[in-house]
Amino acid sequence: MEQTLRLIFRNAEGRQVTISVSDPVDPLDSMEVNDVMDLIINSNIFNTSGGSITQKVRAEVVARDVTTILEF
């Protein structure tokens, strides 16, 4: 099953910004994810069209299971 870690933030204009990480380590440690999100905000290394990332919204893992039924 394919997994993606989505880190969702708000920028200076209040719009949501998502950073996606493919195939995160398993199991994920919520404290480490929280620390990384803080680091992203405090480092101010990402600038979005709505300004700097200013606030954490949530972190989520999206799992996708793809079953090929026919391939050519």
PDB file of N, CA and C in Angstrom:
ATOM      1  N   MET A   1       0.842  -1.169   0.000  1.00  0.00           N
ATOM      2  CA  MET A   1       0.000   0.000   0.000  1.00  0.00           C
ATOM      3  C   MET A   1       0.896   1.243   0.000  1.00  0.00           C
ATOM      4  N   GLU A   2       0.610   2.125  -0.898  1.00  0.00           N
ATOM      5  CA  GLU A   2       1.360   3.380  -1.023  1.00  0.00           C
ATOM      6  C   GLU A   2       0.875   4.370   0.030  1.00  0.00           C
ATOM      7  N   GLN A   3       1.833   5.004   0.728  1.00  0.00           N
ATOM      8  CA  GLN A   3       1.470   5.985   1.748  1.00  0.00           C
ATOM      9  C   GLN A   3       2.145   7.321   1.481  1.00  0.00           C
ATOM     10  N   THR A   4       1.462   8.399   1.873  1.00  0.00           N
ATOM     11  CA  THR A   4       1.995   9.750   1.760  1.00  0.00           C
ATOM     12  C   THR A   4       1.713  10.480   3.063  1.00  0.00           C
ATOM     13  N   LEU A   5       2.752  11.099   3.606  1.00  0.00           N
ATOM     14  CA  LEU A   5       2.589  11.959   4.777  1.00  0.00           C
ATOM     15  C   LEU A   5       2.307  13.361   4.271  1.00  0.00           C
ATOM     16  N   ARG A   6       1.201  13.937   4.705  1.00  0.00           N
ATOM     17  CA  ARG A   6       0.842  15.297   4.303  1.00  0.00           C
ATOM     18  C   ARG A   6       0.936  16.211   5.519  1.00  0.00           C
ATOM     19  N   LEU A   7       1.809  17.222   5.413  1.00  0.00           N
ATOM     20  CA  LEU A   7       1.969  18.228   6.461  1.00  0.00           C
ATOM     21  C   LEU A   7       1.214  19.459   5.993  1.00  0.00           C
ATOM     22  N   ILE A   8       0.210  19.851   6.733  1.00  0.00           N
ATOM     23  CA  ILE A   8      -0.677  20.925   6.299  1.00  0.00           C
ATOM     24  C   ILE A   8      -0.495  22.119   7.231  1.00  0.00           C
ATOM     25  N   PHE A   9      -0.242  23.269   6.611  1.00  0.00           N
ATOM     26  CA  PHE A   9       0.044  24.506   7.332  1.00  0.00           C
ATOM     27  C   PHE A   9      -0.878  25.615   6.835  1.00  0.00           C
ATOM     28  N   ARG A  10      -0.820  26.772   7.506  1.00  0.00           N
ATOM     29  CA  ARG A  10      -1.414  28.018   7.014  1.00  0.00           C
ATOM     30  C   ARG A  10      -0.280  28.983   6.727  1.00  0.00           C
ATOM     31  N   ASN A  11      -0.475  29.787   5.670  1.00  0.00           N
ATOM     32  CA  ASN A  11       0.521  30.797   5.358  1.00  0.00           C
ATOM     33  C   ASN A  11       0.064  32.158   5.897  1.00  0.00           C
ATOM     34  N   ALA A  12       0.845  33.199   5.626  1.00  0.00           N
ATOM     35  CA  ALA A  12       0.568  34.536   6.160  1.00  0.00           C
ATOM     36  C   ALA A  12      -0.793  35.069   5.729  1.00  0.00           C
ATOM     37  N   GLU A  13      -1.286  34.637   4.581  1.00  0.00           N
ATOM     38  CA  GLU A  13      -2.601  35.077   4.105  1.00  0.00           C
ATOM     39  C   GLU A  13      -3.739  34.193   4.609  1.00  0.00           C
ATOM     40  N   GLY A  14      -3.413  33.189   5.416  1.00  0.00           N
ATOM     41  CA  GLY A  14      -4.441  32.316   5.977  1.00  0.00           C
ATOM     42  C   GLY A  14      -4.844  31.162   5.090  1.00  0.00           C
ATOM     43  N   ARG A  15      -4.160  30.990   3.963  1.00  0.00           N
ATOM     44  CA  ARG A  15      -4.479  29.873   3.063  1.00  0.00           C
ATOM     45  C   ARG A  15      -3.691  28.632   3.464  1.00  0.00           C
ATOM     46  N   GLN A  16      -4.269  27.472   3.164  1.00  0.00           N
ATOM     47  CA  GLN A  16      -3.602  26.218   3.498  1.00  0.00           C
ATOM     48  C   GLN A  16      -2.494  25.896   2.502  1.00  0.00           C
ATOM     49  N   VAL A  17      -1.418  25.349   3.040  1.00  0.00           N
ATOM     50  CA  VAL A  17      -0.264  24.916   2.258  1.00  0.00           C
ATOM     51  C   VAL A  17       0.033  23.480   2.671  1.00  0.00           C
ATOM     52  N   THR A  18       0.239  22.596   1.700  1.00  0.00           N
ATOM     53  CA  THR A  18       0.516  21.192   1.997  1.00  0.00           C
ATOM     54  C   THR A  18       1.893  20.804   1.468  1.00  0.00           C
ATOM     55  N   ILE A  19       2.669  20.157   2.331  1.00  0.00           N
ATOM     56  CA  ILE A  19       3.942  19.555   1.935  1.00  0.00           C
ATOM     57  C   ILE A  19       3.740  18.048   2.033  1.00  0.00           C
ATOM     58  N   SER A  20       3.980  17.347   0.933  1.00  0.00           N
ATOM     59  CA  SER A  20       3.764  15.896   0.891  1.00  0.00           C
ATOM     60  C   SER A  20       5.091  15.160   0.869  1.00  0.00           C
ATOM     61  N   VAL A  21       5.149  14.067   1.636  1.00  0.00           N
ATOM     62  CA  VAL A  21       6.342  13.214   1.694  1.00  0.00           C
ATOM     63  C   VAL A  21       5.909  11.809   1.327  1.00  0.00           C
ATOM     64  N   SER A  22       6.459  11.297   0.231  1.00  0.00           N
ATOM     65  CA  SER A  22       6.115   9.934  -0.209  1.00  0.00           C
ATOM     66  C   SER A  22       6.826   8.898   0.642  1.00  0.00           C
ATOM     67  N   ASP A  23       6.146   7.794   0.879  1.00  0.00           N
ATOM     68  CA  ASP A  23       6.696   6.642   1.591  1.00  0.00           C
ATOM     69  C   ASP A  23       7.404   7.021   2.890  1.00  0.00           C
ATOM     70  N   PRO A  24       6.688   7.609   3.846  1.00  0.00           N
ATOM     71  CA  PRO A  24       7.309   7.957   5.128  1.00  0.00           C
ATOM     72  C   PRO A  24       7.689   6.699   5.908  1.00  0.00           C
ATOM     73  N   VAL A  25       8.602   6.845   6.867  1.00  0.00           N
ATOM     74  CA  VAL A  25       8.995   5.704   7.692  1.00  0.00           C
ATOM     75  C   VAL A  25       7.784   5.193   8.452  1.00  0.00           C
ATOM     76  N   ASP A  26       7.801   3.908   8.738  1.00  0.00           N
ATOM     77  CA  ASP A  26       6.687   3.299   9.451  1.00  0.00           C
ATOM     78  C   ASP A  26       7.245   2.579  10.666  1.00  0.00           C
ATOM     79  N   PRO A  27       6.796   2.833  11.845  1.00  0.00           N
ATOM     80  CA  PRO A  27       5.694   3.728  12.198  1.00  0.00           C
ATOM     81  C   PRO A  27       6.182   5.167  12.340  1.00  0.00           C
ATOM     82  N   LEU A  28       5.273   6.104  12.120  1.00  0.00           N
ATOM     83  CA  LEU A  28       5.572   7.516  12.302  1.00  0.00           C
ATOM     84  C   LEU A  28       5.443   7.870  13.780  1.00  0.00           C
ATOM     85  N   ASP A  29       6.333   8.733  14.241  1.00  0.00           N
ATOM     86  CA  ASP A  29       6.293   9.211  15.619  1.00  0.00           C
ATOM     87  C   ASP A  29       5.683  10.606  15.617  1.00  0.00           C
ATOM     88  N   SER A  30       4.541  10.779  16.265  1.00  0.00           N
ATOM     89  CA  SER A  30       3.831  12.056  16.223  1.00  0.00           C
ATOM     90  C   SER A  30       4.654  13.200  16.816  1.00  0.00           C
ATOM     91  N   MET A  31       5.477  12.912  17.810  1.00  0.00           N
ATOM     92  CA  MET A  31       6.324  13.967  18.389  1.00  0.00           C
ATOM     93  C   MET A  31       7.373  14.434  17.383  1.00  0.00           C
ATOM     94  N   GLU A  32       7.955  13.506  16.629  1.00  0.00           N
ATOM     95  CA  GLU A  32       8.941  13.867  15.610  1.00  0.00           C
ATOM     96  C   GLU A  32       8.297  14.673  14.489  1.00  0.00           C
ATOM     97  N   VAL A  33       7.100  14.270  14.075  1.00  0.00           N
ATOM     98  CA  VAL A  33       6.383  15.006  13.026  1.00  0.00           C
ATOM     99  C   VAL A  33       6.088  16.417  13.506  1.00  0.00           C
ATOM    100  N   ASN A  34       5.653  16.557  14.754  1.00  0.00           N
ATOM    101  CA  ASN A  34       5.389  17.869  15.328  1.00  0.00           C
ATOM    102  C   ASN A  34       6.656  18.723  15.344  1.00  0.00           C
ATOM    103  N   ASP A  35       7.788  18.119  15.737  1.00  0.00           N
ATOM    104  CA  ASP A  35       9.066  18.842  15.768  1.00  0.00           C
ATOM    105  C   ASP A  35       9.490  19.297  14.376  1.00  0.00           C
ATOM    106  N   VAL A  36       9.289  18.439  13.380  1.00  0.00           N
ATOM    107  CA  VAL A  36       9.638  18.797  12.002  1.00  0.00           C
ATOM    108  C   VAL A  36       8.758  19.941  11.504  1.00  0.00           C
ATOM    109  N   MET A  37       7.495  19.895  11.843  1.00  0.00           N
ATOM    110  CA  MET A  37       6.600  20.981  11.428  1.00  0.00           C
ATOM    111  C   MET A  37       7.022  22.302  12.085  1.00  0.00           C
ATOM    112  N   ASP A  38       7.406  22.245  13.369  1.00  0.00           N
ATOM    113  CA  ASP A  38       7.920  23.445  14.041  1.00  0.00           C
ATOM    114  C   ASP A  38       9.181  23.951  13.358  1.00  0.00           C
ATOM    115  N   LEU A  39      10.066  23.030  12.995  1.00  0.00           N
ATOM    116  CA  LEU A  39      11.311  23.403  12.316  1.00  0.00           C
ATOM    117  C   LEU A  39      11.029  24.087  10.980  1.00  0.00           C
ATOM    118  N   ILE A  40      10.065  23.572  10.239  1.00  0.00           N
ATOM    119  CA  ILE A  40       9.696  24.180   8.952  1.00  0.00           C
ATOM    120  C   ILE A  40       9.219  25.613   9.162  1.00  0.00           C
ATOM    121  N   ILE A  41       8.375  25.819  10.167  1.00  0.00           N
ATOM    122  CA  ILE A  41       7.869  27.174  10.440  1.00  0.00           C
ATOM    123  C   ILE A  41       9.000  28.091  10.911  1.00  0.00           C
ATOM    124  N   ASN A  42       9.787  27.628  11.874  1.00  0.00           N
ATOM    125  CA  ASN A  42      10.831  28.462  12.465  1.00  0.00           C
ATOM    126  C   ASN A  42      11.978  28.761  11.515  1.00  0.00           C
ATOM    127  N   SER A  43      12.252  27.847  10.577  1.00  0.00           N
ATOM    128  CA  SER A  43      13.348  28.057   9.618  1.00  0.00           C
ATOM    129  C   SER A  43      12.956  29.023   8.514  1.00  0.00           C
ATOM    130  N   ASN A  44      11.658  29.153   8.269  1.00  0.00           N
ATOM    131  CA  ASN A  44      11.156  30.051   7.233  1.00  0.00           C
ATOM    132  C   ASN A  44      11.837  29.787   5.878  1.00  0.00           C
ATOM    133  N   ILE A  45      11.951  28.507   5.537  1.00  0.00           N
ATOM    134  CA  ILE A  45      12.645  28.139   4.305  1.00  0.00           C
ATOM    135  C   ILE A  45      11.705  27.994   3.110  1.00  0.00           C
ATOM    136  N   PHE A  46      10.401  27.940   3.374  1.00  0.00           N
ATOM    137  CA  PHE A  46       9.436  27.847   2.289  1.00  0.00           C
ATOM    138  C   PHE A  46       8.667  29.146   2.190  1.00  0.00           C
ATOM    139  N   ASN A  47       8.600  29.692   0.996  1.00  0.00           N
ATOM    140  CA  ASN A  47       7.814  30.901   0.766  1.00  0.00           C
ATOM    141  C   ASN A  47       6.737  30.550  -0.247  1.00  0.00           C
ATOM    142  N   THR A  48       5.498  30.724   0.139  1.00  0.00           N
ATOM    143  CA  THR A  48       4.392  30.383  -0.740  1.00  0.00           C
ATOM    144  C   THR A  48       3.870  31.649  -1.411  1.00  0.00           C
ATOM    145  N   SER A  49       2.942  31.488  -2.324  1.00  0.00           N
ATOM    146  CA  SER A  49       2.364  32.657  -2.993  1.00  0.00           C
ATOM    147  C   SER A  49       1.603  33.539  -2.007  1.00  0.00           C
ATOM    148  N   GLY A  50       1.240  32.979  -0.857  1.00  0.00           N
ATOM    149  CA  GLY A  50       0.545  33.741   0.172  1.00  0.00           C
ATOM    150  C   GLY A  50       1.453  34.141   1.324  1.00  0.00           C
ATOM    151  N   GLY A  51       2.760  34.088   1.094  1.00  0.00           N
ATOM    152  CA  GLY A  51       3.714  34.471   2.136  1.00  0.00           C
ATOM    153  C   GLY A  51       4.268  33.269   2.879  1.00  0.00           C
ATOM    154  N   SER A  52       4.938  33.550   3.957  1.00  0.00           N
ATOM    155  CA  SER A  52       5.602  32.516   4.751  1.00  0.00           C
ATOM    156  C   SER A  52       4.596  31.586   5.428  1.00  0.00           C
ATOM    157  N   ILE A  53       5.061  30.388   5.731  1.00  0.00           N
ATOM    158  CA  ILE A  53       4.261  29.438   6.495  1.00  0.00           C
ATOM    159  C   ILE A  53       4.292  29.893   7.949  1.00  0.00           C
ATOM    160  N   THR A  54       3.118  30.026   8.551  1.00  0.00           N
ATOM    161  CA  THR A  54       3.042  30.614   9.888  1.00  0.00           C
ATOM    162  C   THR A  54       2.405  29.729  10.952  1.00  0.00           C
ATOM    163  N   GLN A  55       1.656  28.701  10.547  1.00  0.00           N
ATOM    164  CA  GLN A  55       0.880  27.947  11.537  1.00  0.00           C
ATOM    165  C   GLN A  55       0.686  26.504  11.098  1.00  0.00           C
ATOM    166  N   LYS A  56       0.726  25.590  12.065  1.00  0.00           N
ATOM    167  CA  LYS A  56       0.420  24.185  11.801  1.00  0.00           C
ATOM    168  C   LYS A  56      -1.087  23.996  11.796  1.00  0.00           C
ATOM    169  N   VAL A  57      -1.571  23.172  10.865  1.00  0.00           N
ATOM    170  CA  VAL A  57      -2.993  22.813  10.830  1.00  0.00           C
ATOM    171  C   VAL A  57      -3.149  21.352  11.235  1.00  0.00           C
ATOM    172  N   ARG A  58      -2.479  20.455  10.517  1.00  0.00           N
ATOM    173  CA  ARG A  58      -2.544  19.032  10.859  1.00  0.00           C
ATOM    174  C   ARG A  58      -1.497  18.266  10.049  1.00  0.00           C
ATOM    175  N   ALA A  59      -1.269  17.038  10.496  1.00  0.00           N
ATOM    176  CA  ALA A  59      -0.443  16.080   9.758  1.00  0.00           C
ATOM    177  C   ALA A  59      -1.286  14.834   9.590  1.00  0.00           C
ATOM    178  N   GLU A  60      -1.221  14.252   8.403  1.00  0.00           N
ATOM    179  CA  GLU A  60      -2.038  13.076   8.141  1.00  0.00           C
ATOM    180  C   GLU A  60      -1.309  12.127   7.200  1.00  0.00           C
ATOM    181  N   VAL A  61      -1.630  10.868   7.335  1.00  0.00           N
ATOM    182  CA  VAL A  61      -1.095   9.858   6.425  1.00  0.00           C
ATOM    183  C   VAL A  61      -2.227   9.436   5.512  1.00  0.00           C
ATOM    184  N   VAL A  62      -1.970   9.513   4.223  1.00  0.00           N
ATOM    185  CA  VAL A  62      -2.938   9.087   3.223  1.00  0.00           C
ATOM    186  C   VAL A  62      -2.427   7.770   2.655  1.00  0.00           C
ATOM    187  N   ALA A  63      -3.238   6.728   2.758  1.00  0.00           N
ATOM    188  CA  ALA A  63      -2.869   5.412   2.248  1.00  0.00           C
ATOM    189  C   ALA A  63      -3.710   5.124   1.023  1.00  0.00           C
ATOM    190  N   ARG A  64      -3.034   4.622   0.004  1.00  0.00           N
ATOM    191  CA  ARG A  64      -3.730   4.336  -1.241  1.00  0.00           C
ATOM    192  C   ARG A  64      -3.362   2.921  -1.670  1.00  0.00           C
ATOM    193  N   ASP A  65      -4.365   2.140  -1.910  1.00  0.00           N
ATOM    194  CA  ASP A  65      -4.161   0.766  -2.337  1.00  0.00           C
ATOM    195  C   ASP A  65      -4.626   0.656  -3.781  1.00  0.00           C
ATOM    196  N   VAL A  66      -3.706   0.347  -4.667  1.00  0.00           N
ATOM    197  CA  VAL A  66      -4.020   0.240  -6.084  1.00  0.00           C
ATOM    198  C   VAL A  66      -3.932  -1.226  -6.499  1.00  0.00           C
ATOM    199  N   THR A  67      -4.990  -1.709  -7.091  1.00  0.00           N
ATOM    200  CA  THR A  67      -5.017  -3.068  -7.605  1.00  0.00           C
ATOM    201  C   THR A  67      -5.186  -3.024  -9.112  1.00  0.00           C
ATOM    202  N   THR A  68      -4.191  -3.493  -9.834  1.00  0.00           N
ATOM    203  CA  THR A  68      -4.265  -3.546 -11.285  1.00  0.00           C
ATOM    204  C   THR A  68      -5.137  -4.728 -11.684  1.00  0.00           C
ATOM    205  N   ILE A  69      -6.163  -4.452 -12.482  1.00  0.00           N
ATOM    206  CA  ILE A  69      -7.031  -5.539 -12.917  1.00  0.00           C
ATOM    207  C   ILE A  69      -6.759  -5.949 -14.357  1.00  0.00           C
ATOM    208  N   LEU A  70      -6.078  -5.072 -15.090  1.00  0.00           N
ATOM    209  CA  LEU A  70      -5.759  -5.373 -16.464  1.00  0.00           C
ATOM    210  C   LEU A  70      -4.583  -4.501 -16.885  1.00  0.00           C
ATOM    211  N   GLU A  71      -3.592  -5.103 -17.510  1.00  0.00           N
ATOM    212  CA  GLU A  71      -2.432  -4.330 -17.946  1.00  0.00           C
ATOM    213  C   GLU A  71      -2.059  -4.750 -19.360  1.00  0.00           C
ATOM    214  N   PHE A  72      -1.712  -3.777 -20.202  1.00  0.00           N
ATOM    215  CA  PHE A  72      -1.373  -4.061 -21.603  1.00  0.00           C
ATOM    216  C   PHE A  72       0.066  -3.726 -21.878  1.00  0.00           C
TER     217      PHE A  72
END
